[in-house]
C-alpha atoms as a PDB file:
ATOM      1  CA  MET A   1     -31.870  -0.868 -24.858  1.00  0.00           C
ATOM      2  CA  PRO A   2     -32.327  -2.063 -21.234  1.00  0.00           C
ATOM      3  CA  PRO A   3     -33.848   0.416 -18.803  1.00  0.00           C
ATOM      4  CA  ALA A   4     -31.387   2.519 -16.856  1.00  0.00           C
ATOM      5  CA  ALA A   5     -30.757   1.597 -13.258  1.00  0.00           C
ATOM      6  CA  THR A   6     -32.358   3.937 -10.780  1.00  0.00           C
ATOM      7  CA  ALA A   7     -30.638   5.490  -7.805  1.00  0.00           C
ATOM      8  CA  PRO A   8     -31.850   4.458  -4.342  1.00  0.00           C
ATOM      9  CA  ALA A   9     -34.140   6.986  -2.751  1.00  0.00           C
ATOM     10  CA  ALA A  10     -32.512   8.959   0.041  1.00  0.00           C
ATOM     11  CA  SER A  11     -33.788  12.125   1.660  1.00  0.00           C
ATOM     12  CA  ALA A  12     -31.664  14.610   3.529  1.00  0.00           C
ATOM     13  CA  ALA A  13     -33.022  13.136   6.747  1.00  0.00           C
ATOM     14  CA  ASN A  14     -31.710   9.624   6.140  1.00  0.00           C
ATOM     15  CA  LEU A  15     -28.462  10.072   4.201  1.00  0.00           C
ATOM     16  CA  PHE A  16     -26.562   8.445   7.052  1.00  0.00           C
ATOM     17  CA  ASP A  17     -29.311   6.158   8.355  1.00  0.00           C
ATOM     18  CA  LEU A  18     -28.265   2.509   8.573  1.00  0.00           C
ATOM     19  CA  SER A  19     -31.404   1.231  10.272  1.00  0.00           C
ATOM     20  CA  GLY A  20     -32.241  -2.297   9.168  1.00  0.00           C
ATOM     21  CA  LYS A  21     -28.716  -2.908   7.838  1.00  0.00           C
ATOM     22  CA  THR A  22     -26.328  -5.554   9.111  1.00  0.00           C
ATOM     23  CA  ALA A  23     -22.575  -5.122   9.137  1.00  0.00           C
ATOM     24  CA  ILE A  24     -19.497  -7.260   9.691  1.00  0.00           C
ATOM     25  CA  VAL A  25     -16.342  -5.544  10.928  1.00  0.00           C
ATOM     26  CA  THR A  26     -13.036  -7.391  11.230  1.00  0.00           C
ATOM     27  CA  GLY A  27     -10.447  -6.155  13.685  1.00  0.00           C
ATOM     28  CA  GLY A  28     -13.379  -4.627  15.531  1.00  0.00           C
ATOM     29  CA  SER A  29     -12.175  -4.910  19.107  1.00  0.00           C
ATOM     30  CA  ARG A  30      -9.889  -1.880  19.230  1.00  0.00           C
ATOM     31  CA  GLY A  31      -8.591   1.181  17.405  1.00  0.00           C
ATOM     32  CA  ILE A  32     -10.114   2.079  14.072  1.00  0.00           C
ATOM     33  CA  GLY A  33     -12.191  -1.101  13.938  1.00  0.00           C
ATOM     34  CA  ARG A  34     -13.782  -0.432  17.303  1.00  0.00           C
ATOM     35  CA  ALA A  35     -14.607   3.147  16.361  1.00  0.00           C
ATOM     36  CA  ILE A  36     -16.217   1.918  13.137  1.00  0.00           C
ATOM     37  CA  CYS A  37     -18.315  -0.663  15.011  1.00  0.00           C
ATOM     38  CA  GLU A  38     -19.519   1.952  17.470  1.00  0.00           C
ATOM     39  CA  ARG A  39     -20.399   4.528  14.825  1.00  0.00           C
ATOM     40  CA  LEU A  40     -22.144   2.055  12.512  1.00  0.00           C
ATOM     41  CA  ALA A  41     -24.262   0.955  15.460  1.00  0.00           C
ATOM     42  CA  GLN A  42     -24.960   4.563  16.436  1.00  0.00           C
ATOM     43  CA  HIS A  43     -26.382   5.114  12.960  1.00  0.00           C
ATOM     44  CA  GLY A  44     -28.677   2.109  13.261  1.00  0.00           C
ATOM     45  CA  ALA A  45     -26.746  -0.872  11.901  1.00  0.00           C
ATOM     46  CA  LYS A  46     -26.601  -4.223  13.642  1.00  0.00           C
ATOM     47  CA  VAL A  47     -22.927  -5.087  13.910  1.00  0.00           C
ATOM     48  CA  ALA A  48     -20.987  -8.349  14.048  1.00  0.00           C
ATOM     49  CA  VAL A  49     -17.862  -7.359  15.975  1.00  0.00           C
ATOM     50  CA  SER A  50     -14.990  -9.662  15.075  1.00  0.00           C
ATOM     51  CA  SER A  51     -11.367 -10.148  16.078  1.00  0.00           C
ATOM     52  CA  ARG A  52      -9.222 -12.992  17.338  1.00  0.00           C
ATOM     53  CA  LYS A  53     -10.124 -12.406  21.007  1.00  0.00           C
ATOM     54  CA  LEU A  54     -13.772 -12.971  21.873  1.00  0.00           C
ATOM     55  CA  ALA A  55     -13.616 -11.203  25.235  1.00  0.00           C
ATOM     56  CA  ALA A  56     -12.281  -8.021  23.620  1.00  0.00           C
ATOM     57  CA  CYS A  57     -15.088  -8.128  21.055  1.00  0.00           C
ATOM     58  CA  GLN A  58     -17.678  -8.660  23.781  1.00  0.00           C
ATOM     59  CA  GLU A  59     -16.477  -5.521  25.541  1.00  0.00           C
ATOM     60  CA  VAL A  60     -17.275  -3.529  22.396  1.00  0.00           C
ATOM     61  CA  VAL A  61     -20.649  -5.282  22.071  1.00  0.00           C
ATOM     62  CA  ASP A  62     -21.541  -4.458  25.674  1.00  0.00           C
ATOM     63  CA  GLY A  63     -20.691  -0.808  25.100  1.00  0.00           C
ATOM     64  CA  ILE A  64     -22.866  -0.689  21.987  1.00  0.00           C
ATOM     65  CA  ALA A  65     -25.748  -2.348  23.847  1.00  0.00           C
ATOM     66  CA  ALA A  66     -25.436   0.127  26.725  1.00  0.00           C
ATOM     67  CA  ARG A  67     -26.003   2.922  24.219  1.00  0.00           C
ATOM     68  CA  GLY A  68     -29.075   1.239  22.753  1.00  0.00           C
ATOM     69  CA  GLY A  69     -27.447  -0.447  19.766  1.00  0.00           C
ATOM     70  CA  GLU A  70     -27.396  -4.062  18.680  1.00  0.00           C
ATOM     71  CA  ALA A  71     -24.274  -6.144  18.129  1.00  0.00           C
ATOM     72  CA  PHE A  72     -22.755  -9.542  18.782  1.00  0.00           C
ATOM     73  CA  ALA A  73     -19.225 -10.844  19.135  1.00  0.00           C
ATOM     74  CA  VAL A  74     -17.556 -13.433  16.915  1.00  0.00           C
ATOM     75  CA  ALA A  75     -13.995 -14.663  17.344  1.00  0.00           C
ATOM     76  CA  CYS A  76     -12.223 -14.975  13.987  1.00  0.00           C
ATOM     77  CA  ASN A  77      -8.662 -15.220  12.753  1.00  0.00           C
ATOM     78  CA  ILE A  78      -8.888 -13.692   9.278  1.00  0.00           C
ATOM     79  CA  GLY A  79      -5.993 -15.818   8.067  1.00  0.00           C
ATOM     80  CA  ARG A  80      -8.115 -18.953   8.431  1.00  0.00           C
ATOM     81  CA  LYS A  81     -10.691 -19.365   5.674  1.00  0.00           C
ATOM     82  CA  PRO A  82     -13.056 -21.631   7.638  1.00  0.00           C
ATOM     83  CA  GLU A  83     -13.223 -19.046  10.435  1.00  0.00           C
ATOM     84  CA  LEU A  84     -14.137 -16.332   7.932  1.00  0.00           C
ATOM     85  CA  GLN A  85     -16.923 -18.491   6.562  1.00  0.00           C
ATOM     86  CA  ALA A  86     -18.140 -19.177  10.090  1.00  0.00           C
ATOM     87  CA  LEU A  87     -18.238 -15.414  10.730  1.00  0.00           C
ATOM     88  CA  VAL A  88     -20.413 -14.836   7.680  1.00  0.00           C
ATOM     89  CA  ASP A  89     -22.627 -17.835   8.447  1.00  0.00           C
ATOM     90  CA  ALA A  90     -23.177 -16.693  12.042  1.00  0.00           C
ATOM     91  CA  THR A  91     -24.169 -13.211  10.881  1.00  0.00           C
ATOM     92  CA  VAL A  92     -26.566 -14.528   8.238  1.00  0.00           C
ATOM     93  CA  GLU A  93     -28.109 -16.982  10.705  1.00  0.00           C
ATOM     94  CA  ARG A  94     -28.599 -14.283  13.324  1.00  0.00           C
ATOM     95  CA  TRP A  95     -29.815 -11.410  11.153  1.00  0.00           C
ATOM     96  CA  GLY A  96     -30.728 -12.891   7.783  1.00  0.00           C
ATOM     97  CA  GLY A  97     -27.923 -11.459   5.676  1.00  0.00           C
ATOM     98  CA  VAL A  98     -25.067  -9.013   5.261  1.00  0.00           C
ATOM     99  CA  ASP A  99     -25.370  -5.466   3.901  1.00  0.00           C
ATOM    100  CA  VAL A 100     -22.035  -3.948   4.919  1.00  0.00           C
ATOM    101  CA  LEU A 101     -18.594  -5.509   5.178  1.00  0.00           C
ATOM    102  CA  VAL A 102     -15.671  -3.610   6.695  1.00  0.00           C
ATOM    103  CA  CYS A 103     -12.321  -5.362   6.212  1.00  0.00           C
ATOM    104  CA  ASN A 104     -10.221  -3.619   8.818  1.00  0.00           C
ATOM    105  CA  ALA A 105      -8.002  -6.314  10.343  1.00  0.00           C
ATOM    106  CA  ALA A 106      -4.400  -6.448   9.113  1.00  0.00           C
ATOM    107  CA  ILE A 107      -0.899  -7.360  10.245  1.00  0.00           C
ATOM    108  CA  ASN A 108       2.511  -5.762   9.928  1.00  0.00           C
ATOM    109  CA  PRO A 109       5.137  -8.085  11.419  1.00  0.00           C
ATOM    110  CA  HIS A 110       8.116  -6.561   9.612  1.00  0.00           C
ATOM    111  CA  PHE A 111       9.592  -3.113  10.176  1.00  0.00           C
ATOM    112  CA  GLY A 112      12.683  -2.500   8.094  1.00  0.00           C
ATOM    113  CA  PRO A 113      14.008  -2.803   4.545  1.00  0.00           C
ATOM    114  CA  ALA A 114      12.111  -5.348   2.459  1.00  0.00           C
ATOM    115  CA  MET A 115      15.362  -7.124   1.598  1.00  0.00           C
ATOM    116  CA  THR A 116      15.754  -8.192   5.221  1.00  0.00           C
ATOM    117  CA  MET A 117      12.327  -9.862   5.330  1.00  0.00           C
ATOM    118  CA  GLU A 118      11.903 -13.639   5.168  1.00  0.00           C
ATOM    119  CA  ASP A 119       9.772 -14.951   2.307  1.00  0.00           C
ATOM    120  CA  GLU A 120       7.400 -16.597   4.753  1.00  0.00           C
ATOM    121  CA  VAL A 121       6.710 -13.258   6.433  1.00  0.00           C
ATOM    122  CA  PHE A 122       5.829 -11.572   3.151  1.00  0.00           C
ATOM    123  CA  ASP A 123       3.602 -14.496   2.166  1.00  0.00           C
ATOM    124  CA  LYS A 124       1.758 -14.216   5.476  1.00  0.00           C
ATOM    125  CA  MET A 125       1.298 -10.469   5.048  1.00  0.00           C
ATOM    126  CA  MET A 126      -0.143 -10.844   1.559  1.00  0.00           C
ATOM    127  CA  ALA A 127      -2.415 -13.668   2.676  1.00  0.00           C
ATOM    128  CA  THR A 128      -3.688 -11.813   5.732  1.00  0.00           C
ATOM    129  CA  ASN A 129      -3.929  -8.267   4.385  1.00  0.00           C
ATOM    130  CA  VAL A 130      -5.139  -9.028   0.859  1.00  0.00           C
ATOM    131  CA  LYS A 131      -6.287 -12.578   0.211  1.00  0.00           C
ATOM    132  CA  SER A 132      -8.395 -12.775   3.359  1.00  0.00           C
ATOM    133  CA  ASN A 133     -10.206  -9.576   2.312  1.00  0.00           C
ATOM    134  CA  MET A 134     -10.958 -11.111  -1.070  1.00  0.00           C
ATOM    135  CA  TRP A 135     -12.172 -14.315   0.562  1.00  0.00           C
ATOM    136  CA  LEU A 136     -14.455 -12.445   2.939  1.00  0.00           C
ATOM    137  CA  ALA A 137     -15.847 -10.185   0.231  1.00  0.00           C
ATOM    138  CA  HIS A 138     -16.658 -13.195  -1.931  1.00  0.00           C
ATOM    139  CA  MET A 139     -18.346 -14.895   1.016  1.00  0.00           C
ATOM    140  CA  CYS A 140     -20.554 -11.855   1.709  1.00  0.00           C
ATOM    141  CA  ILE A 141     -21.425 -10.980  -1.888  1.00  0.00           C
ATOM    142  CA  PRO A 142     -24.121 -13.674  -2.395  1.00  0.00           C
ATOM    143  CA  SER A 143     -26.028 -12.343   0.612  1.00  0.00           C
ATOM    144  CA  MET A 144     -25.596  -8.748  -0.558  1.00  0.00           C
ATOM    145  CA  GLU A 145     -26.811  -9.664  -4.021  1.00  0.00           C
ATOM    146  CA  GLY A 146     -29.872 -11.360  -2.563  1.00  0.00           C
ATOM    147  CA  ARG A 147     -30.680  -8.248  -0.529  1.00  0.00           C
ATOM    148  CA  GLY A 148     -30.422  -5.911  -3.521  1.00  0.00           C
ATOM    149  CA  GLY A 149     -26.936  -4.546  -2.943  1.00  0.00           C
ATOM    150  CA  GLY A 150     -24.311  -3.828  -0.358  1.00  0.00           C
ATOM    151  CA  SER A 151     -21.162  -1.962   0.568  1.00  0.00           C
ATOM    152  CA  ILE A 152     -17.672  -3.392   0.978  1.00  0.00           C
ATOM    153  CA  VAL A 153     -15.175  -1.145   2.761  1.00  0.00           C
ATOM    154  CA  ILE A 154     -11.493  -2.080   2.938  1.00  0.00           C
ATOM    155  CA  VAL A 155      -9.221  -0.168   5.301  1.00  0.00           C
ATOM    156  CA  SER A 156      -6.064   0.444   3.277  1.00  0.00           C
ATOM    157  CA  SER A 157      -3.419   3.074   4.087  1.00  0.00           C
ATOM    158  CA  ILE A 158      -1.638   6.074   2.616  1.00  0.00           C
ATOM    159  CA  GLY A 159       1.237   3.607   2.449  1.00  0.00           C
ATOM    160  CA  GLY A 160      -0.504   2.163  -0.583  1.00  0.00           C
ATOM    161  CA  TYR A 161       0.264   5.384  -2.474  1.00  0.00           C
ATOM    162  CA  ARG A 162       3.965   5.787  -1.831  1.00  0.00           C
ATOM    163  CA  GLY A 163       7.119   3.827  -1.175  1.00  0.00           C
ATOM    164  CA  SER A 164       8.593   3.354   2.270  1.00  0.00           C
ATOM    165  CA  ALA A 165      12.107   2.454   3.359  1.00  0.00           C
ATOM    166  CA  MET A 166      10.856   0.729   6.514  1.00  0.00           C
ATOM    167  CA  LEU A 167       7.237  -0.275   5.793  1.00  0.00           C
ATOM    168  CA  GLY A 168       7.598  -1.275   2.156  1.00  0.00           C
ATOM    169  CA  ALA A 169       6.089  -4.750   2.405  1.00  0.00           C
ATOM    170  CA  TYR A 170       3.094  -3.454   4.331  1.00  0.00           C
ATOM    171  CA  ALA A 171       2.672  -0.706   1.748  1.00  0.00           C
ATOM    172  CA  ILE A 172       2.639  -3.290  -1.053  1.00  0.00           C
ATOM    173  CA  THR A 173      -0.242  -5.132   0.611  1.00  0.00           C
ATOM    174  CA  LYS A 174      -2.165  -1.903   1.063  1.00  0.00           C
ATOM    175  CA  ALA A 175      -1.680  -0.960  -2.582  1.00  0.00           C
ATOM    176  CA  ALA A 176      -3.061  -4.373  -3.488  1.00  0.00           C
ATOM    177  CA  ASP A 177      -6.142  -3.635  -1.363  1.00  0.00           C
ATOM    178  CA  LEU A 178      -6.770  -0.503  -3.441  1.00  0.00           C
ATOM    179  CA  GLN A 179      -6.805  -2.638  -6.570  1.00  0.00           C
ATOM    180  CA  LEU A 180      -8.987  -5.272  -4.909  1.00  0.00           C
ATOM    181  CA  ALA A 181     -11.622  -2.617  -4.256  1.00  0.00           C
ATOM    182  CA  ARG A 182     -11.478  -1.451  -7.876  1.00  0.00           C
ATOM    183  CA  ASN A 183     -11.900  -4.984  -9.172  1.00  0.00           C
ATOM    184  CA  LEU A 184     -14.799  -5.750  -6.850  1.00  0.00           C
ATOM    185  CA  ALA A 185     -16.432  -2.479  -7.914  1.00  0.00           C
ATOM    186  CA  VAL A 186     -16.198  -3.364 -11.593  1.00  0.00           C
ATOM    187  CA  GLU A 187     -17.319  -6.967 -11.180  1.00  0.00           C
ATOM    188  CA  TRP A 188     -20.220  -6.353  -8.811  1.00  0.00           C
ATOM    189  CA  GLY A 189     -21.394  -2.813  -9.539  1.00  0.00           C
ATOM    190  CA  PRO A 190     -24.162  -4.131 -11.837  1.00  0.00           C
ATOM    191  CA  LYS A 191     -25.601  -5.899  -8.779  1.00  0.00           C
ATOM    192  CA  ASN A 192     -25.543  -2.644  -6.766  1.00  0.00           C
ATOM    193  CA  ILE A 193     -22.627  -3.857  -4.668  1.00  0.00           C
ATOM    194  CA  ARG A 194     -20.113  -1.106  -4.032  1.00  0.00           C
ATOM    195  CA  ALA A 195     -16.477  -1.501  -2.965  1.00  0.00           C
ATOM    196  CA  ASN A 196     -14.249   1.266  -1.676  1.00  0.00           C
ATOM    197  CA  CYS A 197     -11.197   1.833   0.505  1.00  0.00           C
ATOM    198  CA  ILE A 198     -10.386   4.155   3.346  1.00  0.00           C
ATOM    199  CA  SER A 199      -6.704   5.118   3.430  1.00  0.00           C
ATOM    200  CA  PRO A 200      -5.757   6.543   6.817  1.00  0.00           C
ATOM    201  CA  GLY A 201      -2.561   8.337   7.650  1.00  0.00           C
ATOM    202  CA  LEU A 202      -0.888   7.892  11.016  1.00  0.00           C
ATOM    203  CA  VAL A 203      -3.622   7.284  13.608  1.00  0.00           C
ATOM    204  CA  ARG A 204      -3.298   6.894  17.360  1.00  0.00           C
ATOM    205  CA  THR A 205      -3.939   3.145  17.614  1.00  0.00           C
ATOM    206  CA  ASP A 206      -2.185   0.222  19.252  1.00  0.00           C
ATOM    207  CA  PHE A 207      -1.422  -1.087  15.759  1.00  0.00           C
ATOM    208  CA  ALA A 208       0.627   2.040  14.954  1.00  0.00           C
ATOM    209  CA  ARG A 209       1.965   2.574  18.467  1.00  0.00           C
ATOM    210  CA  ALA A 210       5.585   1.945  17.444  1.00  0.00           C
ATOM    211  CA  LEU A 211       5.336   4.916  15.081  1.00  0.00           C
ATOM    212  CA  TRP A 212       3.546   7.541  17.134  1.00  0.00           C
ATOM    213  CA  GLU A 213       5.361   6.684  20.365  1.00  0.00           C
ATOM    214  CA  ASN A 214       8.698   7.203  18.614  1.00  0.00           C
ATOM    215  CA  PRO A 215       9.549  10.868  19.349  1.00  0.00           C
ATOM    216  CA  ASP A 216      11.439  11.357  16.090  1.00  0.00           C
ATOM    217  CA  THR A 217       8.724   9.806  13.924  1.00  0.00           C
ATOM    218  CA  TYR A 218       5.972  11.685  15.746  1.00  0.00           C
ATOM    219  CA  SER A 219       7.778  15.006  15.510  1.00  0.00           C
ATOM    220  CA  LYS A 220       8.508  14.628  11.808  1.00  0.00           C
ATOM    221  CA  ARG A 221       4.940  13.592  10.934  1.00  0.00           C
ATOM    222  CA  THR A 222       3.237  16.320  12.937  1.00  0.00           C
ATOM    223  CA  ARG A 223       5.683  18.938  11.662  1.00  0.00           C
ATOM    224  CA  GLU A 224       5.140  18.044   8.005  1.00  0.00           C
ATOM    225  CA  THR A 225       1.422  17.226   8.033  1.00  0.00           C
ATOM    226  CA  PRO A 226      -0.722  20.270   7.159  1.00  0.00           C
ATOM    227  CA  LEU A 227      -3.049  19.743  10.143  1.00  0.00           C
ATOM    228  CA  LYS A 228       0.029  19.425  12.395  1.00  0.00           C
ATOM    229  CA  ARG A 229      -1.187  16.338  14.254  1.00  0.00           C
ATOM    230  CA  ILE A 230      -1.915  12.639  13.874  1.00  0.00           C
ATOM    231  CA  GLY A 231      -5.401  11.212  13.562  1.00  0.00           C
ATOM    232  CA  GLU A 232      -7.748   9.603  16.077  1.00  0.00           C
ATOM    233  CA  PRO A 233      -9.694   6.374  15.402  1.00  0.00           C
ATOM    234  CA  ASP A 234     -13.073   8.100  15.425  1.00  0.00           C
ATOM    235  CA  GLU A 235     -11.934  10.374  12.597  1.00  0.00           C
ATOM    236  CA  ILE A 236     -11.719   7.311  10.346  1.00  0.00           C
ATOM    237  CA  ALA A 237     -15.076   5.917  11.424  1.00  0.00           C
ATOM    238  CA  GLY A 238     -17.008   8.741   9.784  1.00  0.00           C
ATOM    239  CA  ALA A 239     -15.694   7.734   6.375  1.00  0.00           C
ATOM    240  CA  ALA A 240     -16.883   4.173   6.966  1.00  0.00           C
ATOM    241  CA  VAL A 241     -20.376   5.392   7.877  1.00  0.00           C
ATOM    242  CA  PHE A 242     -20.463   7.492   4.705  1.00  0.00           C
ATOM    243  CA  LEU A 243     -19.427   4.571   2.508  1.00  0.00           C
ATOM    244  CA  ALA A 244     -21.940   2.230   4.140  1.00  0.00           C
ATOM    245  CA  ALA A 245     -24.865   4.656   4.072  1.00  0.00           C
ATOM    246  CA  PRO A 246     -27.103   6.119   1.341  1.00  0.00           C
ATOM    247  CA  ALA A 247     -24.844   9.196   1.363  1.00  0.00           C
ATOM    248  CA  GLY A 248     -22.175   7.121  -0.401  1.00  0.00           C
ATOM    249  CA  SER A 249     -24.499   5.281  -2.771  1.00  0.00           C
ATOM    250  CA  PHE A 250     -22.830   6.603  -5.969  1.00  0.00           C
ATOM    251  CA  MET A 251     -19.257   6.005  -4.827  1.00  0.00           C
ATOM    252  CA  THR A 252     -17.491   2.804  -5.797  1.00  0.00           C
ATOM    253  CA  GLY A 253     -13.983   1.726  -6.770  1.00  0.00           C
ATOM    254  CA  GLN A 254     -12.468   4.662  -4.896  1.00  0.00           C
ATOM    255  CA  SER A 255     -10.400   5.435  -1.823  1.00  0.00           C
ATOM    256  CA  ILE A 256     -11.042   8.132   0.731  1.00  0.00           C
ATOM    257  CA  VAL A 257      -7.721   9.392   2.083  1.00  0.00           C
ATOM    258  CA  VAL A 258      -8.029  10.552   5.705  1.00  0.00           C
ATOM    259  CA  ASP A 259      -4.552  11.699   6.653  1.00  0.00           C
ATOM    260  CA  GLY A 260      -4.584  15.313   7.823  1.00  0.00           C
ATOM    261  CA  GLY A 261      -3.163  16.364   4.453  1.00  0.00           C
ATOM    262  CA  THR A 262      -0.005  14.244   4.561  1.00  0.00           C
ATOM    263  CA  LEU A 263      -0.292  13.106   0.941  1.00  0.00           C
ATOM    264  CA  ALA A 264      -1.101  16.623  -0.209  1.00  0.00           C
ATOM    265  CA  GLY A 265       2.396  17.792   0.611  1.00  0.00           C
ATOM    266  CA  VAL A 266       4.662  19.123   3.338  1.00  0.00           C
ATOM    267  CA  ALA A 267       2.993  21.722   5.540  1.00  0.00           C
ATOM    268  CA  ALA A 268       3.846  25.343   4.934  1.00  0.00           C
ATOM    269  CA  GLY A 269       6.713  26.444   7.146  1.00  0.00           C
ATOM    270  CA  ALA A 270       7.689  22.869   8.107  1.00  0.00           C
ATOM    271  CA  ASP A 271      11.257  23.442   7.014  1.00  0.00           C
ATOM    272  CA  ASP A 272      11.459  26.436   9.336  1.00  0.00           C
ATOM    273  CA  ASP A 273      10.177  24.650  12.471  1.00  0.00           C
END
């Protein structure tokens, strides 16, 4: 019988310490991605901040540097495989490898019933929200394996758990991301590479602006959600730090739902409001 694998040592003092770790974050220039970049850096990680616009990424990098962290900016369209490979190569060349990958970037170009969506739009959503995450994970895994392990974090959504009359196609892609994390966990767990999702509810980001700026949507969500409000980007970042750090070292193939209780059920008294 082969010897049992041993858990990584982690004291109470360093459960969330990411010193010496390198991280790649897609969609890192704003919203949830920016908050994740900033918090990973605050906990000691060196962060490759990536999005399509280099100047926006550099703004995040400058903010991290001003607070004593280390980061660099890389422009990358996640729908283009060569650009993803260039992102990984630049990170490995600069810092020697990749320990943490956060797949945060996504698109949602269709709002309405799925039947009204063009095939090309759905194909683009699946390619951008799912296939690109698989590509990027596979590109980072060899480096993670060589460094003794790593953490892959995919930002999914509570939409992956339930149907939607207006966001159905987006929800399908996010459900696929949940399965992608499970498959990566099973395939690469023996190499100490973990894969998990974070599934946010409605968060105050530019990406979800059309939802939370709509008075009817905002009122309904805040009325029915147990915490009676929507989320803020920084409230998602803490889950990413946990999954990247020693604190999350025994978690893989799972999803952390951060939604103010939306999936738990309708808030008490909501029908009376």
